[in-house]
Amino acid sequence: MKKLLFTLFALVFIIACSKTDEQKVENADQQNVTSENSSQPIVNHRYGIKSGVIFYTAPMGTKQELYFDDYGAKEVFSTSIDLGIAKSKTIEIRKDGFTYSYKDGDKEGTKKAWYVNDFDYSKGDPKLMERYKVKDLGTEIIDGKECKKYSAEFGGSPIQTWVWNNVMIKTITQMGGKDFVIEAVKIQDGAVDSKIFDLPADVTFKEL
């Protein structure tokens, strides 16, 4: 069950909010591109809002939180899983071109290059939009925010995605005949305490 949960999150958050490597090459004029002459990615205006906090609910007793600033150039993403007999919390701090990952309570974590491949549906490559059967389904209000709604199909899995200022607000992914829903339950747009993006002093990060 735990393995399925992580697989689902990987599918939803990589596919729903990201471009493929092919898109990264074909759409070099997108908001975010990776420079071949730099070991670090270029992160610039990923989102249409400067800063905010999103709280999500997800399947199997899971909660997620997203904190971002500088239009997505800095962000913290955490996933808390409560299966009753087992609990865990994974934290990712993304800034300065790197992702720092660790589990709450651990003294060691990892550091690796953060290559940003966000997918702006409104600017998607027509060929890829056709390949993945992307359709614009209009708008819908979620927690007072007007969100753009899209449907697509990735690897045979239909998915519906709601985005606000290019931030993922809700996804419904069909897998194995079931709907897996990840949805924002609270959206706060405004200043975020800069300290949340600081690396924990008691965690050592090993570069991968």
C-alpha atoms as a PDB file:
ATOM      1  CA  MET A   1       0.000   0.000   0.000  1.00  0.00           C
ATOM      2  CA  LYS A   2       2.803   2.404   0.890  1.00  0.00           C
ATOM      3  CA  LYS A   3       4.572   1.626  -2.390  1.00  0.00           C
ATOM      4  CA  LEU A   4       1.358   2.332  -4.312  1.00  0.00           C
ATOM      5  CA  LEU A   5       0.961   5.641  -2.505  1.00  0.00           C
ATOM      6  CA  PHE A   6       4.414   6.884  -3.428  1.00  0.00           C
ATOM      7  CA  THR A   7       3.920   5.703  -7.008  1.00  0.00           C
ATOM      8  CA  LEU A   8       0.692   7.666  -7.210  1.00  0.00           C
ATOM      9  CA  PHE A   9       2.265  10.859  -5.883  1.00  0.00           C
ATOM     10  CA  ALA A  10       5.147  10.533  -8.317  1.00  0.00           C
ATOM     11  CA  LEU A  11       2.702  10.122 -11.196  1.00  0.00           C
ATOM     12  CA  VAL A  12       0.443  12.983 -10.216  1.00  0.00           C
ATOM     13  CA  PHE A  13       2.983  15.630  -9.272  1.00  0.00           C
ATOM     14  CA  ILE A  14       5.468  14.870 -12.009  1.00  0.00           C
ATOM     15  CA  ILE A  15       2.872  14.564 -14.757  1.00  0.00           C
ATOM     16  CA  ALA A  16       0.279  17.086 -13.652  1.00  0.00           C
ATOM     17  CA  CYS A  17       2.684  19.888 -12.889  1.00  0.00           C
ATOM     18  CA  SER A  18       5.700  19.076 -15.048  1.00  0.00           C
ATOM     19  CA  LYS A  19       6.866  18.835 -18.616  1.00  0.00           C
ATOM     20  CA  THR A  20       8.734  15.858 -19.973  1.00  0.00           C
ATOM     21  CA  ASP A  21      12.393  16.098 -20.930  1.00  0.00           C
ATOM     22  CA  GLU A  22      11.221  16.174 -24.540  1.00  0.00           C
ATOM     23  CA  GLN A  23       9.203  19.285 -23.836  1.00  0.00           C
ATOM     24  CA  LYS A  24      12.195  20.859 -22.124  1.00  0.00           C
ATOM     25  CA  VAL A  25      14.123  20.613 -25.399  1.00  0.00           C
ATOM     26  CA  GLU A  26      11.278  21.544 -27.736  1.00  0.00           C
ATOM     27  CA  ASN A  27      10.073  24.493 -25.670  1.00  0.00           C
ATOM     28  CA  ALA A  28      13.250  26.330 -24.763  1.00  0.00           C
ATOM     29  CA  ASP A  29      11.287  29.562 -24.656  1.00  0.00           C
ATOM     30  CA  GLN A  30       9.127  28.367 -21.788  1.00  0.00           C
ATOM     31  CA  GLN A  31       9.218  30.090 -18.422  1.00  0.00           C
ATOM     32  CA  ASN A  32      11.716  27.585 -17.053  1.00  0.00           C
ATOM     33  CA  VAL A  33      14.597  26.104 -19.034  1.00  0.00           C
ATOM     34  CA  THR A  34      17.700  24.158 -18.165  1.00  0.00           C
ATOM     35  CA  SER A  35      20.944  25.717 -19.326  1.00  0.00           C
ATOM     36  CA  GLU A  36      23.375  23.306 -20.995  1.00  0.00           C
ATOM     37  CA  ASN A  37      26.204  25.555 -19.881  1.00  0.00           C
ATOM     38  CA  SER A  38      25.325  25.406 -16.211  1.00  0.00           C
ATOM     39  CA  SER A  39      25.250  22.646 -13.629  1.00  0.00           C
ATOM     40  CA  GLN A  40      22.193  24.253 -12.093  1.00  0.00           C
ATOM     41  CA  PRO A  41      18.757  24.834 -13.598  1.00  0.00           C
ATOM     42  CA  ILE A  42      17.338  28.251 -14.286  1.00  0.00           C
ATOM     43  CA  VAL A  43      14.290  28.839 -12.105  1.00  0.00           C
ATOM     44  CA  ASN A  44      12.268  31.885 -13.065  1.00  0.00           C
ATOM     45  CA  HIS A  45       8.585  32.753 -12.683  1.00  0.00           C
ATOM     46  CA  ARG A  46       7.303  29.214 -12.381  1.00  0.00           C
ATOM     47  CA  TYR A  47       4.067  30.481 -10.893  1.00  0.00           C
ATOM     48  CA  GLY A  48       1.866  33.453 -11.621  1.00  0.00           C
ATOM     49  CA  ILE A  49       1.877  34.516  -7.977  1.00  0.00           C
ATOM     50  CA  LYS A  50       4.893  35.547  -5.902  1.00  0.00           C
ATOM     51  CA  SER A  51       4.337  33.537  -2.733  1.00  0.00           C
ATOM     52  CA  GLY A  52       1.837  31.383  -0.938  1.00  0.00           C
ATOM     53  CA  VAL A  53       0.979  28.244   1.011  1.00  0.00           C
ATOM     54  CA  ILE A  54      -1.171  25.327  -0.159  1.00  0.00           C
ATOM     55  CA  PHE A  55      -2.450  22.523   2.086  1.00  0.00           C
ATOM     56  CA  TYR A  56      -3.560  19.326   0.358  1.00  0.00           C
ATOM     57  CA  THR A  57      -5.365  16.132   1.278  1.00  0.00           C
ATOM     58  CA  ALA A  58      -4.490  12.918  -0.536  1.00  0.00           C
ATOM     59  CA  PRO A  59      -5.424   9.219  -0.423  1.00  0.00           C
ATOM     60  CA  MET A  60      -4.718   6.893   2.490  1.00  0.00           C
ATOM     61  CA  GLY A  61      -4.490   9.432   5.308  1.00  0.00           C
ATOM     62  CA  THR A  62      -1.902  11.569   3.566  1.00  0.00           C
ATOM     63  CA  LYS A  63      -1.436  15.327   3.904  1.00  0.00           C
ATOM     64  CA  GLN A  64       0.817  17.555   1.844  1.00  0.00           C
ATOM     65  CA  GLU A  65       1.977  21.144   2.173  1.00  0.00           C
ATOM     66  CA  LEU A  66       3.554  23.479  -0.360  1.00  0.00           C
ATOM     67  CA  TYR A  67       5.269  26.745   0.606  1.00  0.00           C
ATOM     68  CA  PHE A  68       6.735  28.913  -2.155  1.00  0.00           C
ATOM     69  CA  ASP A  69       8.299  32.325  -2.714  1.00  0.00           C
ATOM     70  CA  ASP A  70       9.888  34.337  -5.526  1.00  0.00           C
ATOM     71  CA  TYR A  71       7.346  32.947  -7.999  1.00  0.00           C
ATOM     72  CA  GLY A  72       8.434  29.390  -7.266  1.00  0.00           C
ATOM     73  CA  ALA A  73      12.202  29.910  -7.260  1.00  0.00           C
ATOM     74  CA  LYS A  74      12.100  28.713  -3.652  1.00  0.00           C
ATOM     75  CA  GLU A  75       9.735  26.162  -2.221  1.00  0.00           C
ATOM     76  CA  VAL A  76       9.248  23.611   0.515  1.00  0.00           C
ATOM     77  CA  PHE A  77       7.121  20.539  -0.122  1.00  0.00           C
ATOM     78  CA  SER A  78       6.256  18.066   2.620  1.00  0.00           C
ATOM     79  CA  THR A  79       4.330  14.794   2.599  1.00  0.00           C
ATOM     80  CA  SER A  80       2.961  13.325   5.839  1.00  0.00           C
ATOM     81  CA  ILE A  81       1.656   9.752   5.738  1.00  0.00           C
ATOM     82  CA  ASP A  82      -0.367   8.239   8.550  1.00  0.00           C
ATOM     83  CA  LEU A  83      -1.200   4.558   8.035  1.00  0.00           C
ATOM     84  CA  GLY A  84      -2.123   4.065  11.669  1.00  0.00           C
ATOM     85  CA  ILE A  85       0.636   1.602  12.503  1.00  0.00           C
ATOM     86  CA  ALA A  86       3.238   3.670  10.672  1.00  0.00           C
ATOM     87  CA  LYS A  87       3.780   7.399  10.267  1.00  0.00           C
ATOM     88  CA  SER A  88       6.347   9.324   8.261  1.00  0.00           C
ATOM     89  CA  LYS A  89       7.040  12.824   7.005  1.00  0.00           C
ATOM     90  CA  THR A  90       9.278  13.637   4.058  1.00  0.00           C
ATOM     91  CA  ILE A  91      10.452  17.205   3.448  1.00  0.00           C
ATOM     92  CA  GLU A  92      11.951  18.697   0.303  1.00  0.00           C
ATOM     93  CA  ILE A  93      13.520  22.164   0.304  1.00  0.00           C
ATOM     94  CA  ARG A  94      14.055  23.429  -3.222  1.00  0.00           C
ATOM     95  CA  LYS A  95      16.175  26.510  -3.797  1.00  0.00           C
ATOM     96  CA  ASP A  96      19.329  27.791  -5.490  1.00  0.00           C
ATOM     97  CA  GLY A  97      19.027  25.082  -8.131  1.00  0.00           C
ATOM     98  CA  PHE A  98      19.038  22.167  -5.684  1.00  0.00           C
ATOM     99  CA  THR A  99      16.567  19.873  -3.935  1.00  0.00           C
ATOM    100  CA  TYR A 100      17.368  18.982  -0.322  1.00  0.00           C
ATOM    101  CA  SER A 101      15.388  15.940   0.844  1.00  0.00           C
ATOM    102  CA  TYR A 102      15.147  14.342   4.265  1.00  0.00           C
ATOM    103  CA  LYS A 103      12.759  12.530   6.568  1.00  0.00           C
ATOM    104  CA  ASP A 104      11.605  14.216   9.744  1.00  0.00           C
ATOM    105  CA  GLY A 105      13.791  12.988  12.612  1.00  0.00           C
ATOM    106  CA  ASP A 106      16.671  11.796  10.405  1.00  0.00           C
ATOM    107  CA  LYS A 107      20.095  13.386  10.644  1.00  0.00           C
ATOM    108  CA  GLU A 108      21.051  12.689   7.039  1.00  0.00           C
ATOM    109  CA  GLY A 109      19.450  13.723   3.776  1.00  0.00           C
ATOM    110  CA  THR A 110      20.274  14.103   0.092  1.00  0.00           C
ATOM    111  CA  LYS A 111      21.125  17.017  -2.154  1.00  0.00           C
ATOM    112  CA  LYS A 112      20.680  16.911  -5.910  1.00  0.00           C
ATOM    113  CA  ALA A 113      20.203  19.273  -8.817  1.00  0.00           C
ATOM    114  CA  TRP A 114      16.672  20.612  -9.122  1.00  0.00           C
ATOM    115  CA  TYR A 115      15.742  20.600 -12.778  1.00  0.00           C
ATOM    116  CA  VAL A 116      12.458  22.418 -13.104  1.00  0.00           C
ATOM    117  CA  ASN A 117      10.205  21.274 -15.941  1.00  0.00           C
ATOM    118  CA  ASP A 118       6.877  22.866 -15.099  1.00  0.00           C
ATOM    119  CA  PHE A 119       4.094  22.377 -17.585  1.00  0.00           C
ATOM    120  CA  ASP A 120       2.001  25.439 -18.385  1.00  0.00           C
ATOM    121  CA  TYR A 121      -1.016  23.920 -20.126  1.00  0.00           C
ATOM    122  CA  SER A 122      -1.881  27.261 -21.695  1.00  0.00           C
ATOM    123  CA  LYS A 123       1.479  27.316 -23.497  1.00  0.00           C
ATOM    124  CA  GLY A 124       1.912  23.609 -24.209  1.00  0.00           C
ATOM    125  CA  ASP A 125       3.392  22.379 -27.463  1.00  0.00           C
ATOM    126  CA  PRO A 126       0.464  21.521 -29.814  1.00  0.00           C
ATOM    127  CA  LYS A 127       1.957  18.151 -30.802  1.00  0.00           C
ATOM    128  CA  LEU A 128       2.381  17.090 -27.194  1.00  0.00           C
ATOM    129  CA  MET A 129      -1.038  18.435 -26.259  1.00  0.00           C
ATOM    130  CA  GLU A 130      -2.492  16.218 -28.980  1.00  0.00           C
ATOM    131  CA  ARG A 131      -0.383  13.208 -27.995  1.00  0.00           C
ATOM    132  CA  TYR A 132      -1.533  13.368 -24.379  1.00  0.00           C
ATOM    133  CA  LYS A 133      -5.122  14.271 -25.337  1.00  0.00           C
ATOM    134  CA  VAL A 134      -5.056  17.503 -23.357  1.00  0.00           C
ATOM    135  CA  LYS A 135      -8.376  19.334 -23.322  1.00  0.00           C
ATOM    136  CA  ASP A 136      -9.298  22.707 -21.857  1.00  0.00           C
ATOM    137  CA  LEU A 137     -12.385  22.189 -19.682  1.00  0.00           C
ATOM    138  CA  GLY A 138     -12.904  25.824 -18.715  1.00  0.00           C
ATOM    139  CA  THR A 139     -12.732  27.185 -15.176  1.00  0.00           C
ATOM    140  CA  GLU A 140     -13.937  26.176 -11.732  1.00  0.00           C
ATOM    141  CA  ILE A 141     -13.817  27.882  -8.342  1.00  0.00           C
ATOM    142  CA  ILE A 142     -11.881  26.039  -5.613  1.00  0.00           C
ATOM    143  CA  ASP A 143     -11.509  27.686  -2.192  1.00  0.00           C
ATOM    144  CA  GLY A 144     -12.408  31.027  -3.750  1.00  0.00           C
ATOM    145  CA  LYS A 145      -9.771  30.757  -6.497  1.00  0.00           C
ATOM    146  CA  GLU A 146     -10.672  30.619 -10.172  1.00  0.00           C
ATOM    147  CA  CYS A 147      -8.832  27.570 -11.487  1.00  0.00           C
ATOM    148  CA  LYS A 148      -8.279  26.409 -15.042  1.00  0.00           C
ATOM    149  CA  LYS A 149      -9.393  22.813 -15.532  1.00  0.00           C
ATOM    150  CA  TYR A 150      -7.767  20.363 -17.947  1.00  0.00           C
ATOM    151  CA  SER A 151      -8.041  16.700 -18.803  1.00  0.00           C
ATOM    152  CA  ALA A 152      -5.251  14.548 -20.230  1.00  0.00           C
ATOM    153  CA  GLU A 153      -4.114  10.968 -20.546  1.00  0.00           C
ATOM    154  CA  PHE A 154      -0.658   9.761 -19.555  1.00  0.00           C
ATOM    155  CA  GLY A 155       0.409   6.150 -19.914  1.00  0.00           C
ATOM    156  CA  GLY A 156      -3.197   5.055 -20.236  1.00  0.00           C
ATOM    157  CA  SER A 157      -4.182   6.834 -17.015  1.00  0.00           C
ATOM    158  CA  PRO A 158      -6.810   9.584 -17.462  1.00  0.00           C
ATOM    159  CA  ILE A 159      -6.191  12.601 -15.280  1.00  0.00           C
ATOM    160  CA  GLN A 160      -8.028  15.833 -14.578  1.00  0.00           C
ATOM    161  CA  THR A 161      -6.042  18.780 -13.268  1.00  0.00           C
ATOM    162  CA  TRP A 162      -7.075  22.129 -11.811  1.00  0.00           C
ATOM    163  CA  VAL A 163      -4.408  24.867 -11.784  1.00  0.00           C
ATOM    164  CA  TRP A 164      -4.350  28.380 -10.369  1.00  0.00           C
ATOM    165  CA  ASN A 165      -1.545  30.680 -11.470  1.00  0.00           C
ATOM    166  CA  ASN A 166       0.180  27.510 -12.769  1.00  0.00           C
ATOM    167  CA  VAL A 167       0.063  25.990  -9.269  1.00  0.00           C
ATOM    168  CA  MET A 168      -1.553  22.560  -9.030  1.00  0.00           C
ATOM    169  CA  ILE A 169      -4.708  22.810  -6.900  1.00  0.00           C
ATOM    170  CA  LYS A 170      -6.439  19.504  -7.567  1.00  0.00           C
ATOM    171  CA  THR A 171      -5.930  16.295  -9.542  1.00  0.00           C
ATOM    172  CA  ILE A 172      -8.062  13.231 -10.114  1.00  0.00           C
ATOM    173  CA  THR A 173      -6.125  10.281 -11.524  1.00  0.00           C
ATOM    174  CA  GLN A 174      -7.810   7.066 -12.605  1.00  0.00           C
ATOM    175  CA  MET A 175      -5.751   3.996 -11.765  1.00  0.00           C
ATOM    176  CA  GLY A 176      -6.989   0.428 -11.603  1.00  0.00           C
ATOM    177  CA  GLY A 177     -10.578   1.538 -12.011  1.00  0.00           C
ATOM    178  CA  LYS A 178     -10.379   3.890  -9.029  1.00  0.00           C
ATOM    179  CA  ASP A 179     -10.161   7.679  -8.703  1.00  0.00           C
ATOM    180  CA  PHE A 180      -7.223   8.986  -6.677  1.00  0.00           C
ATOM    181  CA  VAL A 181      -7.821  12.576  -5.600  1.00  0.00           C
ATOM    182  CA  ILE A 182      -5.294  15.108  -4.369  1.00  0.00           C
ATOM    183  CA  GLU A 183      -6.970  18.415  -3.534  1.00  0.00           C
ATOM    184  CA  ALA A 184      -6.105  21.711  -1.893  1.00  0.00           C
ATOM    185  CA  VAL A 185      -8.135  22.269   1.251  1.00  0.00           C
ATOM    186  CA  LYS A 186      -6.578  25.629   2.081  1.00  0.00           C
ATOM    187  CA  ILE A 187      -4.957  28.196  -0.201  1.00  0.00           C
ATOM    188  CA  GLN A 188      -3.111  31.183   1.228  1.00  0.00           C
ATOM    189  CA  ASP A 189      -1.634  33.756  -1.141  1.00  0.00           C
ATOM    190  CA  GLY A 190       0.698  36.193   0.533  1.00  0.00           C
ATOM    191  CA  ALA A 191       4.083  36.517   2.183  1.00  0.00           C
ATOM    192  CA  VAL A 192       5.787  33.385   3.527  1.00  0.00           C
ATOM    193  CA  ASP A 193       8.261  33.410   6.434  1.00  0.00           C
ATOM    194  CA  SER A 194      11.701  33.210   4.792  1.00  0.00           C
ATOM    195  CA  LYS A 195      13.000  30.984   7.611  1.00  0.00           C
ATOM    196  CA  ILE A 196      10.984  28.054   6.310  1.00  0.00           C
ATOM    197  CA  PHE A 197      13.398  27.814   3.369  1.00  0.00           C
ATOM    198  CA  ASP A 198      16.450  27.493   5.658  1.00  0.00           C
ATOM    199  CA  LEU A 199      18.174  24.106   5.745  1.00  0.00           C
ATOM    200  CA  PRO A 200      17.942  22.370   9.133  1.00  0.00           C
ATOM    201  CA  ALA A 201      21.215  22.814  11.016  1.00  0.00           C
ATOM    202  CA  ASP A 202      21.133  19.285  12.450  1.00  0.00           C
ATOM    203  CA  VAL A 203      20.806  17.479   9.084  1.00  0.00           C
ATOM    204  CA  THR A 204      23.782  16.608   6.875  1.00  0.00           C
ATOM    205  CA  PHE A 205      23.025  16.465   3.162  1.00  0.00           C
ATOM    206  CA  LYS A 206      24.922  14.106   0.885  1.00  0.00           C
ATOM    207  CA  GLU A 207      25.205  15.337  -2.696  1.00  0.00           C
ATOM    208  CA  LEU A 208      24.096  12.841  -5.336  1.00  0.00           C
END
